[in-house]
Protein backbone atom coordinates (compact mmCIF):
# COMPACT_ATOMS: atom_id res chain seq x y z
CA UNK A 1 -29.54 4.70 -35.21
CA UNK A 2 -26.49 6.54 -33.81
CA UNK A 3 -23.31 4.63 -33.91
CA UNK A 4 -21.87 3.98 -30.26
CA UNK A 5 -18.37 5.18 -30.10
CA UNK A 6 -15.54 4.80 -27.36
CA UNK A 7 -16.61 8.26 -25.88
CA UNK A 8 -20.26 6.98 -25.16
CA UNK A 9 -18.68 3.68 -23.29
CA UNK A 10 -16.38 6.14 -21.39
CA UNK A 11 -18.99 8.44 -20.29
CA UNK A 12 -21.57 5.57 -19.33
CA UNK A 13 -18.65 3.86 -17.24
CA UNK A 14 -17.57 7.26 -15.94
CA UNK A 15 -13.74 6.94 -17.06
CA UNK A 16 -11.54 8.39 -19.55
CA UNK A 17 -11.33 7.52 -23.21
CA UNK A 18 -7.62 6.37 -22.84
CA UNK A 19 -8.83 3.96 -19.88
CA UNK A 20 -11.37 2.39 -22.39
CA UNK A 21 -8.64 2.10 -24.83
CA UNK A 22 -6.34 0.38 -22.73
CA UNK A 23 -9.16 -2.05 -21.77
CA UNK A 24 -9.93 -2.87 -25.42
CA UNK A 25 -6.18 -3.65 -25.95
CA UNK A 26 -5.93 -5.76 -22.89
CA UNK A 27 -3.57 -3.46 -21.15
CA UNK A 28 -4.79 -3.71 -17.47
CA UNK A 29 -1.56 -3.14 -15.64
CA UNK A 30 -2.72 -0.33 -13.87
CA UNK A 31 -6.38 -0.77 -14.04
CA UNK A 32 -8.52 -1.90 -11.02
CA UNK A 33 -10.97 -4.84 -11.07
CA UNK A 34 -13.72 -2.56 -10.31
CA UNK A 35 -12.84 -0.16 -13.58
CA UNK A 36 -12.71 -3.28 -15.78
CA UNK A 37 -15.95 -4.37 -14.49
CA UNK A 38 -17.76 -0.91 -15.28
CA UNK A 39 -16.21 -0.57 -18.61
CA UNK A 40 -17.45 -4.34 -19.52
CA UNK A 41 -20.76 -3.59 -18.35
CA UNK A 42 -20.94 -0.26 -20.12
CA UNK A 43 -19.92 -2.24 -23.47
CA UNK A 44 -22.44 -4.92 -22.98
CA UNK A 45 -25.17 -2.27 -22.18
CA UNK A 46 -24.42 -0.29 -25.46
CA UNK A 47 -23.60 -3.17 -27.59
CA UNK A 48 -20.37 -1.62 -28.47
CA UNK A 49 -18.27 -3.03 -31.47
CA UNK A 50 -14.69 -1.53 -31.83
CA UNK A 51 -13.70 -0.21 -35.36
CA UNK A 52 -11.16 -2.81 -36.07
CA UNK A 53 -10.05 -0.68 -39.34
CA UNK A 54 -9.72 2.36 -37.42
CA UNK A 55 -7.90 0.56 -34.56
CA UNK A 56 -5.50 -0.93 -36.98
CA UNK A 57 -4.66 2.16 -38.52
CA UNK A 58 -3.94 3.73 -35.48
CA UNK A 59 -2.05 1.13 -33.97
CA UNK A 60 -0.54 0.24 -37.11
CA UNK A 61 -1.41 -3.34 -36.52
CA UNK A 62 -4.32 -5.44 -37.68
CA UNK A 63 -3.54 -8.07 -34.79
CA UNK A 64 -4.18 -10.46 -37.41
CA UNK A 65 -1.84 -13.22 -39.41
CA UNK A 66 -2.15 -15.03 -42.48
CA UNK A 67 -1.35 -18.80 -42.87
CA UNK A 68 -1.20 -20.28 -46.34
CA UNK A 69 -1.05 -23.84 -46.49
CA UNK A 70 -0.47 -26.07 -49.62
CA UNK A 71 -3.07 -28.69 -49.11
CA UNK A 72 -5.53 -28.22 -46.06
CA UNK A 73 -6.35 -31.89 -46.59
CA UNK A 74 -3.17 -32.99 -44.99
CA UNK A 75 -3.33 -34.15 -41.25
CA UNK A 76 -0.28 -32.15 -40.61
CA UNK A 77 -1.51 -28.78 -42.01
CA UNK A 78 -4.58 -28.97 -39.98
CA UNK A 79 -2.53 -29.80 -36.93
CA UNK A 80 -0.06 -27.04 -37.68
CA UNK A 81 -3.15 -24.48 -38.22
CA UNK A 82 -4.35 -25.65 -34.76
CA UNK A 83 -1.02 -25.07 -32.92
CA UNK A 84 -0.76 -21.56 -34.72
CA UNK A 85 -4.32 -20.58 -33.87
CA UNK A 86 -3.81 -21.63 -30.15
CA UNK A 87 -0.44 -19.38 -29.97
CA UNK A 88 -2.28 -16.35 -31.66
CA UNK A 89 -5.18 -16.77 -29.37
CA UNK A 90 -2.87 -16.53 -26.46
CA UNK A 91 -1.40 -13.09 -27.95
CA UNK A 92 -4.86 -11.45 -28.75
CA UNK A 93 -4.47 -12.20 -32.59
CA UNK A 94 -6.73 -13.67 -35.14
CA UNK A 95 -5.76 -16.09 -38.19
CA UNK A 96 -6.94 -15.99 -41.61
CA UNK A 97 -6.32 -19.36 -43.21
CA UNK A 98 -5.81 -19.73 -47.01
CA UNK A 99 -5.41 -23.12 -48.94
CA UNK A 100 -3.34 -22.74 -51.98
CA UNK A 101 -3.72 -26.15 -53.52
CA UNK A 102 0.12 -26.07 -54.27
CA UNK A 103 -0.71 -23.57 -56.91
CA UNK A 104 1.61 -20.51 -57.50
CA UNK A 105 -1.03 -18.30 -58.82
CA UNK A 106 -3.42 -19.17 -55.97
CA UNK A 107 -0.47 -18.45 -53.75
CA UNK A 108 0.25 -15.13 -54.96
CA UNK A 109 -3.23 -14.06 -55.00
CA UNK A 110 -3.45 -14.92 -51.44
CA UNK A 111 -0.35 -13.13 -50.68
CA UNK A 112 -1.91 -9.86 -52.23
CA UNK A 113 -4.69 -10.37 -50.38
CA UNK A 114 -3.43 -10.76 -47.16
CA UNK A 115 -1.28 -7.67 -47.74
CA UNK A 116 -4.25 -5.68 -48.60
CA UNK A 117 -5.91 -6.64 -45.30
CA UNK A 118 -2.82 -5.40 -43.60
CA UNK A 119 -2.07 -8.69 -41.73
CA UNK A 120 0.82 -8.40 -39.63
CA UNK A 121 2.71 -11.26 -40.97
CA UNK A 122 2.35 -14.56 -42.99
CA UNK A 123 3.16 -18.23 -42.20
CA UNK A 124 3.32 -20.29 -45.66
CA UNK A 125 3.85 -23.30 -46.92
CA UNK A 126 5.81 -22.16 -50.25
CA UNK A 127 5.17 -23.57 -53.75
CA UNK A 128 8.83 -22.04 -54.53
CA UNK A 129 7.53 -20.41 -57.70
CA UNK A 130 7.16 -17.03 -56.33
CA UNK A 131 10.61 -16.00 -55.50
CA UNK A 132 10.53 -12.46 -56.54
CA UNK A 133 7.44 -11.59 -54.57
CA UNK A 134 8.90 -13.17 -51.35
CA UNK A 135 12.08 -11.41 -51.97
CA UNK A 136 10.12 -8.21 -52.37
CA UNK A 137 8.53 -9.07 -48.80
CA UNK A 138 11.91 -9.54 -47.77
CA UNK A 139 13.40 -6.40 -48.89
CA UNK A 140 10.31 -4.58 -46.98
CA UNK A 141 11.45 -6.58 -43.80
CA UNK A 142 7.89 -7.74 -43.93
CA UNK A 143 7.41 -10.73 -41.05
CA UNK A 144 7.27 -13.97 -42.89
CA UNK A 145 7.89 -17.82 -41.83
CA UNK A 146 8.28 -20.84 -44.09
CA UNK A 147 6.65 -23.84 -42.94
CA UNK A 148 7.43 -27.49 -44.12
CA UNK A 149 9.57 -26.20 -47.04
CA UNK A 150 12.71 -24.26 -47.81
CA UNK A 151 13.40 -22.07 -50.95
CA UNK A 152 16.95 -21.99 -51.54
CA UNK A 153 17.19 -18.65 -53.10
CA UNK A 154 15.54 -17.02 -50.20
CA UNK A 155 16.90 -16.28 -46.60
CA UNK A 156 13.61 -16.93 -44.65
CA UNK A 157 13.41 -18.90 -41.28
CA UNK A 158 11.79 -22.16 -41.92
CA UNK A 159 10.38 -24.98 -39.77
CA UNK A 160 10.62 -28.50 -41.08
CA UNK A 161 10.58 -32.26 -40.09
CA UNK A 162 14.04 -33.75 -39.88
CA UNK A 163 13.15 -35.71 -42.88
CA UNK A 164 16.69 -37.65 -42.97
CA UNK A 165 16.04 -39.05 -39.38
CA UNK A 166 12.42 -40.06 -40.31
CA UNK A 167 13.63 -42.05 -43.43
CA UNK A 168 16.40 -43.76 -41.08
CA UNK A 169 13.44 -45.01 -38.84
CA UNK A 170 11.59 -46.26 -42.07
CA UNK A 171 14.74 -48.23 -43.27
CA UNK A 172 15.49 -49.60 -39.95
CA UNK A 173 12.04 -50.96 -39.74
CA UNK A 174 12.38 -52.41 -43.25
CA UNK A 175 15.60 -54.25 -42.70
CA UNK A 176 14.70 -55.43 -39.20
CA UNK A 177 11.55 -57.23 -40.66
CA UNK A 178 13.84 -58.74 -43.53
CA UNK A 179 12.21 -56.93 -46.55
CA UNK A 180 14.22 -57.25 -49.80
CA UNK A 181 12.06 -55.43 -52.49
CA UNK A 182 11.17 -51.82 -50.96
CA UNK A 183 9.14 -49.19 -52.94
CA UNK A 184 8.33 -45.77 -52.14
CA UNK A 185 5.10 -43.93 -53.40
CA UNK A 186 4.96 -40.02 -53.15
CA UNK A 187 2.88 -37.28 -54.44
CA UNK A 188 4.20 -35.35 -57.49
CA UNK A 189 8.01 -34.64 -57.01
CA UNK A 190 9.56 -31.11 -57.89
CA UNK A 191 12.61 -29.46 -56.59
CA UNK A 192 10.94 -26.86 -54.33
CA UNK A 193 8.61 -29.52 -52.66
CA UNK A 194 11.40 -30.14 -49.77
CA UNK A 195 9.84 -32.89 -47.82
CA UNK A 196 9.12 -35.11 -50.72
CA UNK A 197 12.24 -34.66 -52.60
CA UNK A 198 14.37 -35.09 -49.09
CA UNK A 199 12.37 -38.38 -48.32
CA UNK A 200 12.77 -40.07 -51.64
CA UNK A 201 16.60 -38.98 -52.08
CA UNK A 202 17.22 -39.93 -48.46
CA UNK A 203 15.54 -43.37 -49.16
CA UNK A 204 17.68 -44.15 -51.81
CA UNK A 205 20.88 -43.14 -50.11
CA UNK A 206 20.18 -45.05 -46.83
CA UNK A 207 19.07 -48.15 -48.50
CA UNK A 208 22.27 -47.85 -50.89
CA UNK A 209 24.42 -47.59 -47.39
CA UNK A 210 22.80 -50.93 -46.43
CA UNK A 211 23.31 -52.63 -49.90
CA UNK A 212 19.59 -52.67 -50.66
CA UNK A 213 18.78 -51.41 -54.10
CA UNK A 214 15.83 -49.25 -54.94
CA UNK A 215 15.28 -49.64 -58.50
CA UNK A 216 14.00 -46.52 -60.43
CA UNK A 217 10.57 -48.38 -61.33
CA UNK A 218 10.07 -48.81 -57.65
CA UNK A 219 9.61 -45.10 -57.34
CA UNK A 220 6.01 -44.17 -58.06
CA UNK A 221 4.81 -40.65 -57.89
CA UNK A 222 1.99 -38.62 -59.23
CA UNK A 223 -1.16 -36.82 -58.49
CA UNK A 224 -3.78 -38.51 -56.22
CA UNK A 225 -6.15 -39.44 -59.15
CA UNK A 226 -3.00 -41.17 -61.02
CA UNK A 227 -1.92 -43.11 -58.26
CA UNK A 228 -4.26 -46.26 -58.31
CA UNK A 229 -3.21 -47.19 -61.92
CA UNK A 230 0.42 -46.55 -60.98
CA UNK A 231 0.26 -48.90 -58.23
CA UNK A 232 -1.30 -51.52 -60.26
CA UNK A 233 1.63 -51.34 -62.63
CA UNK A 234 3.88 -51.47 -59.99
CA UNK A 235 2.24 -54.60 -58.07
CA UNK A 236 2.16 -56.19 -61.82
CA UNK A 237 5.67 -56.81 -61.96
CA UNK A 238 7.11 -60.42 -61.99
CA UNK A 239 8.66 -59.41 -58.45
CA UNK A 240 6.46 -56.89 -56.96
CA UNK A 241 7.50 -55.01 -53.90
CA UNK A 242 7.25 -56.57 -50.32
CA UNK A 243 7.21 -53.34 -48.68
CA UNK A 244 5.82 -49.91 -49.37
CA UNK A 245 6.79 -46.57 -47.78
CA UNK A 246 3.96 -44.02 -48.25
CA UNK A 247 5.38 -40.65 -48.37
CA UNK A 248 2.48 -38.76 -46.53
CA UNK A 249 -0.73 -39.44 -45.17
CA UNK A 250 -2.87 -38.63 -48.45
CA UNK A 251 -0.57 -41.27 -50.32
CA UNK A 252 -1.25 -43.97 -47.47
CA UNK A 253 -4.78 -43.57 -48.33
CA UNK A 254 -4.17 -44.57 -51.67
CA UNK A 255 -1.87 -47.31 -50.81
CA UNK A 256 -4.51 -48.64 -48.43
CA UNK A 257 -7.48 -48.47 -50.96
CA UNK A 258 -5.55 -50.17 -53.81
CA UNK A 259 -4.16 -53.04 -51.27
CA UNK A 260 -8.02 -53.37 -50.13
CA UNK A 261 -9.17 -53.37 -53.61
CA UNK A 262 -6.98 -56.15 -54.57
CA UNK A 263 -7.75 -58.26 -51.33
CA UNK A 264 -4.07 -57.96 -50.59
CA UNK A 265 -3.21 -58.70 -46.82
CA UNK A 266 -1.07 -56.45 -44.71
CA UNK A 267 1.86 -57.37 -43.79
CA UNK A 268 1.62 -60.97 -45.07
CA UNK A 269 1.27 -59.91 -48.75
CA UNK A 270 3.09 -56.57 -48.54
CA UNK A 271 4.49 -54.63 -45.58
CA UNK A 272 3.24 -50.69 -45.10
CA UNK A 273 4.90 -47.76 -43.37
CA UNK A 274 4.37 -43.96 -43.68
CA UNK A 275 5.20 -40.72 -42.48
CA UNK A 276 2.26 -38.88 -40.78
CA UNK A 277 0.33 -40.54 -38.03
CA UNK A 278 -3.09 -40.70 -39.29
CA UNK A 279 -6.04 -40.64 -36.96
CA UNK A 280 -7.11 -44.25 -37.70
CA UNK A 281 -3.70 -45.83 -37.64
CA UNK A 282 -3.93 -47.70 -34.24
CA UNK A 283 -7.28 -49.02 -34.98
CA UNK A 284 -6.79 -50.03 -38.76
CA UNK A 285 -6.58 -53.70 -39.39
CA UNK A 286 -3.66 -54.27 -38.80
CA UNK A 287 -2.70 -51.21 -36.74
CA UNK A 288 -0.23 -49.08 -38.85
CA UNK A 289 3.33 -48.31 -38.49
CA UNK A 290 3.73 -44.47 -39.04
CA UNK A 291 6.38 -41.77 -38.38
CA UNK A 292 4.59 -38.91 -36.53
CA UNK A 293 5.85 -35.32 -37.16
CA UNK A 294 5.52 -33.17 -33.82
CA UNK A 295 3.23 -30.89 -36.00
CA UNK A 296 1.58 -29.00 -32.79
CA UNK A 297 5.27 -28.41 -31.59
CA UNK A 298 6.14 -27.20 -35.06
CA UNK A 299 3.18 -24.75 -35.76
CA UNK A 300 3.86 -23.06 -32.34
CA UNK A 301 7.49 -22.48 -33.19
CA UNK A 302 6.46 -20.96 -36.60
CA UNK A 303 4.10 -18.73 -34.62
CA UNK A 304 6.93 -17.72 -31.94
CA UNK A 305 9.53 -16.68 -34.79
CA UNK A 306 6.81 -14.81 -36.50
CA UNK A 307 5.78 -13.00 -33.48
CA UNK A 308 9.39 -12.22 -32.63
CA UNK A 309 9.35 -10.39 -35.93
CA UNK A 310 6.04 -8.76 -35.28
CA UNK A 311 6.72 -7.55 -31.77
CA UNK A 312 7.05 -3.58 -31.69
CA UNK A 313 10.70 -4.01 -30.89
CA UNK A 314 11.10 -7.14 -33.09
CA UNK A 315 13.84 -7.42 -35.67
CA UNK A 316 13.84 -9.27 -38.89
CA UNK A 317 14.60 -12.84 -37.86
CA UNK A 318 17.70 -15.12 -39.09
CA UNK A 319 17.13 -17.45 -41.89
CA UNK A 320 17.46 -20.21 -39.20
CA UNK A 321 16.36 -23.72 -40.48
CA UNK A 322 14.42 -25.49 -37.52
CA UNK A 323 14.33 -29.38 -37.91
CA UNK A 324 12.11 -31.24 -35.43
CA UNK A 325 12.65 -34.86 -34.41
CA UNK A 326 10.01 -37.50 -35.89
CA UNK A 327 8.47 -40.24 -33.67
CA UNK A 328 8.48 -43.91 -34.68
CA UNK A 329 5.00 -45.55 -33.85
CA UNK A 330 6.10 -49.36 -34.21
CA UNK A 331 2.82 -51.30 -35.07
CA UNK A 332 2.02 -54.25 -36.94
CA UNK A 333 1.61 -53.22 -40.84
CA UNK A 334 5.45 -53.44 -41.49
């Protein structure tokens, strides 16, 4: 069966190949409505499908970007992806989403795959362990934006929550309610995981400023599969914590699972507050106090910065760190 070409579409529509090309690239500035309708009808009648590979080689653009998330199970990650996809849809771009599981090897493989597919740029939640690879991309002036994390050695624009302000909200709630023995629970801590490290360190600092101690053994961190026994050890102390700060939504799930398994009443037996406003927070019993990240605004900002770089007249973007204000959702669990 003969392959339908752009010339076939042009002949049937009674226009030039360049006019069809302009239509396919959404360039309608000098194109009348009747011409657009004729081309659309010809494309439908011939069942024409553009050769995306050929178009990308000719235009030096695949009209596609990559997004590499650390863990797609986080509410924040899925909301950021949605915002990026919405923005790209407006620009006529597609999105390839990759889940790196905070694994540097998977991250490296995904970067190499996306480059092989000639995507026009990448937004990534970096693991922090592929510095040389990212530096190589920088040297090539390849469009790149970091989300949620900073890699100190690299001058790459990044979009993050103002974690210091988020923690101040948490501590203010703890103090207002009169708690005396706060604990913080986190997924694994390592220097390159910016939000976790910033939240733990800032929690210690702000509590100290308020002359409230956070003992080392009231800082719990580990993989999700490790948190239940670690929480059991924490609450087995002679003076267990009277309030728990869960550092993100997945940690919050583990804290809630533990308190329920032990038939602990929130907030009577222990207060709970977390960063990330989970979908069930307002109808959980009791409704959960949380700190929201403006994930949709953050995702859109990352896409805007990337597209400023991708645009034909674009330049490498300055390594600006964009911090977004958190939102306190004061409910009944704290």
